[in-house]
Amino acid sequence: MGKYNGNENNVVVNFITAGTEITGDITSNEGIRIEGTLTGNLITKGKVVIGESGKVKGEVSCKNSEVFGTIEGKIVVSELLSLRKTARINGDISTNKLAIEPGSKFTGNCNMSNDTASTSFRKEIKPEPPKAEEKQKSA
């Protein structure tokens, strides 16, 4: 499901609905809205919207983000991060611009800098080496 509002920053092409749980990393060139649960890292060149029922356990890297739900992990936004009143972030924030509504909460460090947000923006996820248990199973 997707929508287009005429402005590239407001494009949401990918949609994870409430009740859906995904384990693993997601990379995309387009925006994404999460109403379900993602356990893993999310990297996109577009906009990330975490809905009120949305929860991310992992790192988020994107161009713009609007958070209504929960993030447990670091979030890196190269342009604007908006924390709505229902937002809950437990992790560090790195962004160029930050908008915080009264009622939103975050625990962690916040770094606001043009240089930090753009240089911290991850373009790819490097896979973790297999755990010892996985190596034994494949042998």
N, C-alpha and C. Protein backbone atom coordinates (compact mmCIF):
# COMPACT_ATOMS: atom_id res chain seq x y z
N MET A 1 0.85 -1.17 0.00
CA MET A 1 0.00 0.00 0.00
C MET A 1 0.89 1.22 0.00
N GLY A 2 0.52 2.27 -0.72
CA GLY A 2 1.32 3.48 -0.75
C GLY A 2 0.47 4.70 -0.97
N LYS A 3 1.09 5.84 -0.75
CA LYS A 3 0.40 7.10 -1.02
C LYS A 3 1.40 8.12 -1.49
N TYR A 4 0.94 9.13 -2.18
CA TYR A 4 1.79 10.19 -2.66
C TYR A 4 1.10 11.52 -2.41
N ASN A 5 1.80 12.41 -1.72
CA ASN A 5 1.23 13.72 -1.40
C ASN A 5 1.82 14.84 -2.24
N GLY A 6 2.58 14.50 -3.29
CA GLY A 6 3.11 15.53 -4.16
C GLY A 6 4.49 16.03 -3.75
N ASN A 7 4.97 15.70 -2.58
CA ASN A 7 6.27 16.15 -2.10
C ASN A 7 7.10 14.91 -1.80
N GLU A 8 8.33 14.84 -2.32
CA GLU A 8 9.12 13.62 -2.17
C GLU A 8 9.35 13.23 -0.72
N ASN A 9 9.33 14.17 0.21
CA ASN A 9 9.54 13.87 1.63
C ASN A 9 8.32 13.20 2.25
N ASN A 10 7.17 13.25 1.61
CA ASN A 10 5.94 12.70 2.16
C ASN A 10 5.51 11.40 1.49
N VAL A 11 6.40 10.80 0.72
CA VAL A 11 6.07 9.57 0.02
C VAL A 11 6.24 8.38 0.96
N VAL A 12 5.18 7.59 1.08
CA VAL A 12 5.26 6.33 1.83
C VAL A 12 4.80 5.24 0.88
N VAL A 13 5.76 4.42 0.44
CA VAL A 13 5.47 3.39 -0.55
C VAL A 13 5.25 2.04 0.12
N ASN A 14 5.97 1.76 1.19
CA ASN A 14 5.91 0.47 1.87
C ASN A 14 5.13 0.62 3.17
N PHE A 15 4.33 -0.41 3.50
CA PHE A 15 3.46 -0.32 4.68
C PHE A 15 3.48 -1.66 5.41
N ILE A 16 3.82 -1.62 6.70
CA ILE A 16 3.77 -2.81 7.54
C ILE A 16 2.62 -2.61 8.51
N THR A 17 1.58 -3.41 8.37
CA THR A 17 0.34 -3.20 9.13
C THR A 17 0.45 -3.69 10.57
N ALA A 18 -0.47 -3.19 11.39
CA ALA A 18 -0.56 -3.62 12.79
C ALA A 18 -0.80 -5.12 12.83
N GLY A 19 -0.17 -5.80 13.77
CA GLY A 19 -0.30 -7.24 13.89
C GLY A 19 0.76 -8.01 13.11
N THR A 20 1.51 -7.30 12.26
CA THR A 20 2.58 -7.95 11.49
C THR A 20 3.89 -7.80 12.25
N GLU A 21 4.63 -8.91 12.37
CA GLU A 21 5.93 -8.89 13.03
C GLU A 21 6.99 -9.35 12.03
N ILE A 22 8.02 -8.53 11.87
CA ILE A 22 9.11 -8.86 10.95
C ILE A 22 10.40 -8.91 11.75
N THR A 23 11.17 -9.99 11.53
CA THR A 23 12.48 -10.11 12.15
C THR A 23 13.50 -10.13 11.02
N GLY A 24 14.40 -9.16 11.03
CA GLY A 24 15.41 -9.04 9.99
C GLY A 24 15.58 -7.59 9.60
N ASP A 25 16.59 -7.33 8.79
CA ASP A 25 16.90 -5.97 8.36
C ASP A 25 16.11 -5.63 7.10
N ILE A 26 15.73 -4.35 7.00
CA ILE A 26 15.01 -3.86 5.83
C ILE A 26 15.82 -2.71 5.23
N THR A 27 16.05 -2.77 3.92
CA THR A 27 16.66 -1.66 3.20
C THR A 27 15.72 -1.30 2.05
N SER A 28 15.64 0.01 1.78
CA SER A 28 14.72 0.46 0.73
C SER A 28 15.17 1.82 0.22
N ASN A 29 14.84 2.11 -1.01
CA ASN A 29 15.07 3.44 -1.57
C ASN A 29 13.85 4.33 -1.37
N GLU A 30 12.75 3.75 -0.92
CA GLU A 30 11.49 4.47 -0.76
C GLU A 30 11.11 4.59 0.71
N GLY A 31 10.08 5.38 0.99
CA GLY A 31 9.59 5.56 2.34
C GLY A 31 8.85 4.34 2.85
N ILE A 32 8.70 4.29 4.17
CA ILE A 32 8.02 3.14 4.79
C ILE A 32 7.26 3.61 6.02
N ARG A 33 6.09 3.01 6.23
CA ARG A 33 5.29 3.26 7.43
C ARG A 33 5.16 1.95 8.18
N ILE A 34 5.43 1.98 9.49
CA ILE A 34 5.38 0.78 10.31
C ILE A 34 4.30 0.96 11.37
N GLU A 35 3.31 0.08 11.32
CA GLU A 35 2.28 0.01 12.35
C GLU A 35 2.43 -1.29 13.15
N GLY A 36 3.21 -2.21 12.63
CA GLY A 36 3.47 -3.49 13.29
C GLY A 36 4.79 -3.42 14.05
N THR A 37 5.49 -4.56 14.12
CA THR A 37 6.74 -4.65 14.87
C THR A 37 7.88 -5.09 13.96
N LEU A 38 8.98 -4.37 14.01
CA LEU A 38 10.19 -4.74 13.29
C LEU A 38 11.30 -4.96 14.30
N THR A 39 11.88 -6.17 14.28
CA THR A 39 13.06 -6.46 15.09
C THR A 39 14.21 -6.60 14.12
N GLY A 40 14.98 -5.54 13.99
CA GLY A 40 16.06 -5.48 13.02
C GLY A 40 16.31 -4.03 12.65
N ASN A 41 17.25 -3.81 11.75
CA ASN A 41 17.61 -2.47 11.33
C ASN A 41 16.79 -2.06 10.12
N LEU A 42 16.52 -0.77 10.03
CA LEU A 42 15.76 -0.20 8.92
C LEU A 42 16.57 0.92 8.30
N ILE A 43 16.88 0.78 7.02
CA ILE A 43 17.64 1.79 6.31
C ILE A 43 16.89 2.15 5.03
N THR A 44 16.61 3.44 4.87
CA THR A 44 15.93 3.89 3.66
C THR A 44 16.41 5.29 3.30
N LYS A 45 16.34 5.61 2.03
CA LYS A 45 16.67 6.95 1.57
C LYS A 45 15.44 7.84 1.62
N GLY A 46 14.30 7.28 1.99
CA GLY A 46 13.04 8.02 2.05
C GLY A 46 12.64 8.36 3.46
N LYS A 47 11.34 8.52 3.66
CA LYS A 47 10.77 8.90 4.95
C LYS A 47 10.32 7.65 5.71
N VAL A 48 10.53 7.66 7.02
CA VAL A 48 10.05 6.59 7.88
C VAL A 48 9.00 7.16 8.82
N VAL A 49 7.83 6.51 8.84
CA VAL A 49 6.77 6.86 9.78
C VAL A 49 6.55 5.65 10.67
N ILE A 50 6.69 5.85 11.97
CA ILE A 50 6.39 4.81 12.95
C ILE A 50 5.04 5.19 13.55
N GLY A 51 3.99 4.45 13.22
CA GLY A 51 2.65 4.75 13.71
C GLY A 51 2.52 4.47 15.20
N GLU A 52 1.39 4.86 15.79
CA GLU A 52 1.18 4.70 17.23
C GLU A 52 1.32 3.25 17.68
N SER A 53 0.90 2.30 16.85
CA SER A 53 1.04 0.88 17.21
C SER A 53 2.36 0.31 16.74
N GLY A 54 3.19 1.11 16.07
CA GLY A 54 4.45 0.64 15.52
C GLY A 54 5.55 0.57 16.55
N LYS A 55 6.42 -0.44 16.38
CA LYS A 55 7.55 -0.63 17.29
C LYS A 55 8.74 -1.14 16.50
N VAL A 56 9.89 -0.49 16.69
CA VAL A 56 11.13 -0.92 16.04
C VAL A 56 12.14 -1.21 17.13
N LYS A 57 12.74 -2.42 17.07
CA LYS A 57 13.83 -2.80 17.97
C LYS A 57 15.06 -2.94 17.10
N GLY A 58 15.83 -1.88 16.97
CA GLY A 58 17.01 -1.87 16.11
C GLY A 58 17.31 -0.46 15.68
N GLU A 59 18.28 -0.30 14.79
CA GLU A 59 18.66 1.01 14.30
C GLU A 59 17.79 1.44 13.12
N VAL A 60 17.53 2.75 13.06
CA VAL A 60 16.78 3.33 11.95
C VAL A 60 17.64 4.42 11.33
N SER A 61 17.82 4.38 10.00
CA SER A 61 18.52 5.41 9.26
C SER A 61 17.65 5.83 8.09
N CYS A 62 17.41 7.14 7.97
CA CYS A 62 16.52 7.61 6.91
C CYS A 62 16.75 9.09 6.62
N LYS A 63 16.01 9.60 5.64
CA LYS A 63 16.09 11.01 5.28
C LYS A 63 15.25 11.86 6.22
N ASN A 64 14.00 11.49 6.44
CA ASN A 64 13.07 12.17 7.34
C ASN A 64 12.32 11.11 8.13
N SER A 65 11.83 11.49 9.32
CA SER A 65 11.07 10.53 10.10
C SER A 65 10.05 11.24 10.97
N GLU A 66 8.90 10.60 11.11
CA GLU A 66 7.83 11.05 11.99
C GLU A 66 7.50 9.87 12.89
N VAL A 67 7.67 10.05 14.21
CA VAL A 67 7.51 8.94 15.15
C VAL A 67 6.31 9.20 16.06
N PHE A 68 5.35 8.27 16.00
CA PHE A 68 4.20 8.26 16.89
C PHE A 68 4.31 7.09 17.88
N GLY A 69 5.10 6.07 17.49
CA GLY A 69 5.21 4.83 18.26
C GLY A 69 6.51 4.73 19.02
N THR A 70 7.11 3.52 19.02
CA THR A 70 8.26 3.22 19.87
C THR A 70 9.46 2.77 19.05
N ILE A 71 10.62 3.29 19.42
CA ILE A 71 11.89 2.84 18.86
C ILE A 71 12.81 2.49 20.02
N GLU A 72 13.34 1.27 19.97
CA GLU A 72 14.34 0.83 20.94
C GLU A 72 15.64 0.63 20.18
N GLY A 73 16.42 1.70 20.09
CA GLY A 73 17.67 1.67 19.35
C GLY A 73 17.97 3.05 18.80
N LYS A 74 19.08 3.16 18.14
CA LYS A 74 19.55 4.43 17.59
C LYS A 74 18.74 4.83 16.36
N ILE A 75 18.49 6.14 16.22
CA ILE A 75 17.85 6.65 15.01
C ILE A 75 18.71 7.76 14.43
N VAL A 76 19.02 7.65 13.15
CA VAL A 76 19.83 8.62 12.43
C VAL A 76 18.99 9.18 11.29
N VAL A 77 18.73 10.49 11.32
CA VAL A 77 17.89 11.14 10.32
C VAL A 77 18.70 12.27 9.68
N SER A 78 18.86 12.24 8.38
CA SER A 78 19.71 13.24 7.71
C SER A 78 19.05 14.61 7.62
N GLU A 79 17.72 14.69 7.70
CA GLU A 79 17.05 15.99 7.63
C GLU A 79 16.22 16.26 8.88
N LEU A 80 14.92 15.93 8.88
CA LEU A 80 14.02 16.30 9.98
C LEU A 80 13.45 15.08 10.70
N LEU A 81 13.58 15.06 12.02
CA LEU A 81 12.96 14.06 12.88
C LEU A 81 11.87 14.74 13.69
N SER A 82 10.63 14.23 13.58
CA SER A 82 9.50 14.77 14.33
C SER A 82 9.03 13.73 15.33
N LEU A 83 9.06 14.08 16.61
CA LEU A 83 8.57 13.19 17.66
C LEU A 83 7.20 13.70 18.08
N ARG A 84 6.17 12.90 17.82
CA ARG A 84 4.80 13.25 18.19
C ARG A 84 4.56 12.92 19.65
N LYS A 85 3.45 13.37 20.20
CA LYS A 85 3.22 13.25 21.65
C LYS A 85 3.20 11.82 22.16
N THR A 86 2.92 10.85 21.31
CA THR A 86 2.88 9.44 21.73
C THR A 86 4.21 8.72 21.49
N ALA A 87 5.22 9.43 20.98
CA ALA A 87 6.51 8.82 20.64
C ALA A 87 7.28 8.42 21.89
N ARG A 88 7.95 7.26 21.80
CA ARG A 88 8.82 6.76 22.87
C ARG A 88 10.09 6.24 22.22
N ILE A 89 11.22 6.86 22.53
CA ILE A 89 12.50 6.42 21.98
C ILE A 89 13.43 6.10 23.12
N ASN A 90 13.99 4.89 23.08
CA ASN A 90 14.99 4.47 24.05
C ASN A 90 16.26 4.18 23.27
N GLY A 91 17.07 5.22 23.06
CA GLY A 91 18.28 5.10 22.27
C GLY A 91 18.75 6.47 21.83
N ASP A 92 19.88 6.52 21.18
CA ASP A 92 20.46 7.79 20.76
C ASP A 92 19.79 8.33 19.50
N ILE A 93 19.79 9.65 19.38
CA ILE A 93 19.23 10.35 18.24
C ILE A 93 20.34 11.15 17.57
N SER A 94 20.43 11.08 16.25
CA SER A 94 21.34 11.91 15.48
C SER A 94 20.53 12.48 14.32
N THR A 95 20.41 13.80 14.26
CA THR A 95 19.58 14.42 13.23
C THR A 95 20.05 15.84 12.94
N ASN A 96 19.62 16.37 11.83
CA ASN A 96 19.91 17.75 11.46
C ASN A 96 18.92 18.69 12.15
N LYS A 97 17.62 18.34 12.09
CA LYS A 97 16.57 19.15 12.70
C LYS A 97 15.67 18.25 13.54
N LEU A 98 15.18 18.76 14.67
CA LEU A 98 14.36 17.98 15.58
C LEU A 98 13.14 18.78 16.01
N ALA A 99 11.96 18.16 15.88
CA ALA A 99 10.71 18.75 16.36
C ALA A 99 10.12 17.81 17.40
N ILE A 100 9.85 18.32 18.59
CA ILE A 100 9.35 17.49 19.68
C ILE A 100 8.04 18.06 20.21
N GLU A 101 6.98 17.25 20.17
CA GLU A 101 5.70 17.65 20.75
C GLU A 101 5.71 17.34 22.25
N PRO A 102 5.03 18.17 23.06
CA PRO A 102 4.91 17.86 24.48
C PRO A 102 4.25 16.49 24.67
N GLY A 103 4.81 15.69 25.59
CA GLY A 103 4.29 14.35 25.84
C GLY A 103 5.18 13.27 25.29
N SER A 104 5.98 13.58 24.25
CA SER A 104 6.89 12.58 23.70
C SER A 104 8.05 12.39 24.69
N LYS A 105 8.65 11.19 24.64
CA LYS A 105 9.73 10.88 25.58
C LYS A 105 10.86 10.18 24.85
N PHE A 106 12.10 10.53 25.22
CA PHE A 106 13.22 9.76 24.75
C PHE A 106 14.30 9.69 25.81
N THR A 107 14.96 8.54 25.86
CA THR A 107 16.05 8.31 26.79
C THR A 107 17.28 7.98 25.95
N GLY A 108 18.29 8.83 26.05
CA GLY A 108 19.50 8.64 25.27
C GLY A 108 20.13 9.98 24.98
N ASN A 109 21.13 9.97 24.14
CA ASN A 109 21.81 11.19 23.74
C ASN A 109 21.24 11.71 22.44
N CYS A 110 21.30 13.03 22.28
CA CYS A 110 20.83 13.66 21.04
C CYS A 110 21.96 14.49 20.46
N ASN A 111 22.27 14.26 19.19
CA ASN A 111 23.29 15.00 18.48
C ASN A 111 22.65 15.66 17.28
N MET A 112 22.65 17.00 17.26
CA MET A 112 22.07 17.74 16.13
C MET A 112 23.19 18.45 15.39
N SER A 113 23.45 18.00 14.18
CA SER A 113 24.52 18.58 13.39
C SER A 113 24.35 18.19 11.94
N ASN A 114 24.63 19.12 11.04
CA ASN A 114 24.59 18.79 9.61
C ASN A 114 25.59 17.70 9.30
N ASP A 115 26.80 17.81 9.84
CA ASP A 115 27.85 16.84 9.55
C ASP A 115 27.55 15.47 10.12
N THR A 116 27.09 15.42 11.37
CA THR A 116 26.86 14.13 12.03
C THR A 116 25.77 13.34 11.34
N ALA A 117 24.64 13.99 11.03
CA ALA A 117 23.53 13.27 10.42
C ALA A 117 23.91 12.75 9.04
N SER A 118 24.61 13.55 8.25
CA SER A 118 24.93 13.11 6.90
C SER A 118 26.03 12.05 6.88
N THR A 119 27.04 12.18 7.78
CA THR A 119 28.11 11.18 7.77
C THR A 119 27.69 9.91 8.48
N SER A 120 26.72 9.99 9.39
CA SER A 120 26.27 8.80 10.09
C SER A 120 25.24 8.02 9.29
N PHE A 121 24.71 8.61 8.24
CA PHE A 121 23.68 7.96 7.45
C PHE A 121 24.28 6.73 6.80
N ARG A 122 23.79 5.56 7.21
CA ARG A 122 24.32 4.29 6.71
C ARG A 122 23.65 3.96 5.38
N LYS A 123 24.46 3.55 4.43
CA LYS A 123 23.92 3.21 3.12
C LYS A 123 23.72 1.72 2.94
N GLU A 124 24.35 0.92 3.77
CA GLU A 124 24.18 -0.51 3.66
C GLU A 124 24.35 -1.17 5.02
N ILE A 125 23.79 -2.34 5.15
CA ILE A 125 23.93 -3.13 6.37
C ILE A 125 24.93 -4.23 6.09
N LYS A 126 25.93 -4.33 6.96
CA LYS A 126 26.89 -5.42 6.82
C LYS A 126 26.37 -6.59 7.64
N PRO A 127 26.22 -7.76 7.03
CA PRO A 127 25.69 -8.91 7.77
C PRO A 127 26.63 -9.33 8.90
N GLU A 128 26.03 -9.76 9.99
CA GLU A 128 26.81 -10.26 11.11
C GLU A 128 27.32 -11.65 10.77
N PRO A 129 28.52 -12.02 11.29
CA PRO A 129 29.01 -13.38 11.03
C PRO A 129 28.10 -14.38 11.72
N PRO A 130 27.97 -15.59 11.17
CA PRO A 130 27.09 -16.60 11.77
C PRO A 130 27.53 -16.94 13.19
N LYS A 131 26.56 -17.19 14.05
CA LYS A 131 26.85 -17.58 15.42
C LYS A 131 27.38 -19.01 15.43
N ALA A 132 28.07 -19.37 16.51
CA ALA A 132 28.67 -20.70 16.62
C ALA A 132 27.62 -21.80 16.45
N GLU A 133 26.39 -21.56 16.99
CA GLU A 133 25.33 -22.56 16.87
C GLU A 133 24.97 -22.80 15.42
N GLU A 134 24.91 -21.70 14.62
CA GLU A 134 24.54 -21.83 13.21
C GLU A 134 25.61 -22.55 12.43
N LYS A 135 26.90 -22.30 12.79
CA LYS A 135 27.99 -22.97 12.08
C LYS A 135 27.92 -24.48 12.31
N GLN A 136 27.59 -24.89 13.54
CA GLN A 136 27.51 -26.32 13.86
C GLN A 136 26.36 -26.99 13.13
N LYS A 137 25.23 -26.29 12.98
CA LYS A 137 24.07 -26.87 12.30
C LYS A 137 24.36 -27.11 10.82
N SER A 138 25.12 -26.17 10.20
CA SER A 138 25.38 -26.29 8.77
C SER A 138 26.47 -27.29 8.46
N ALA A 139 27.27 -27.67 9.46
CA ALA A 139 28.39 -28.60 9.22
C ALA A 139 27.95 -30.04 9.16
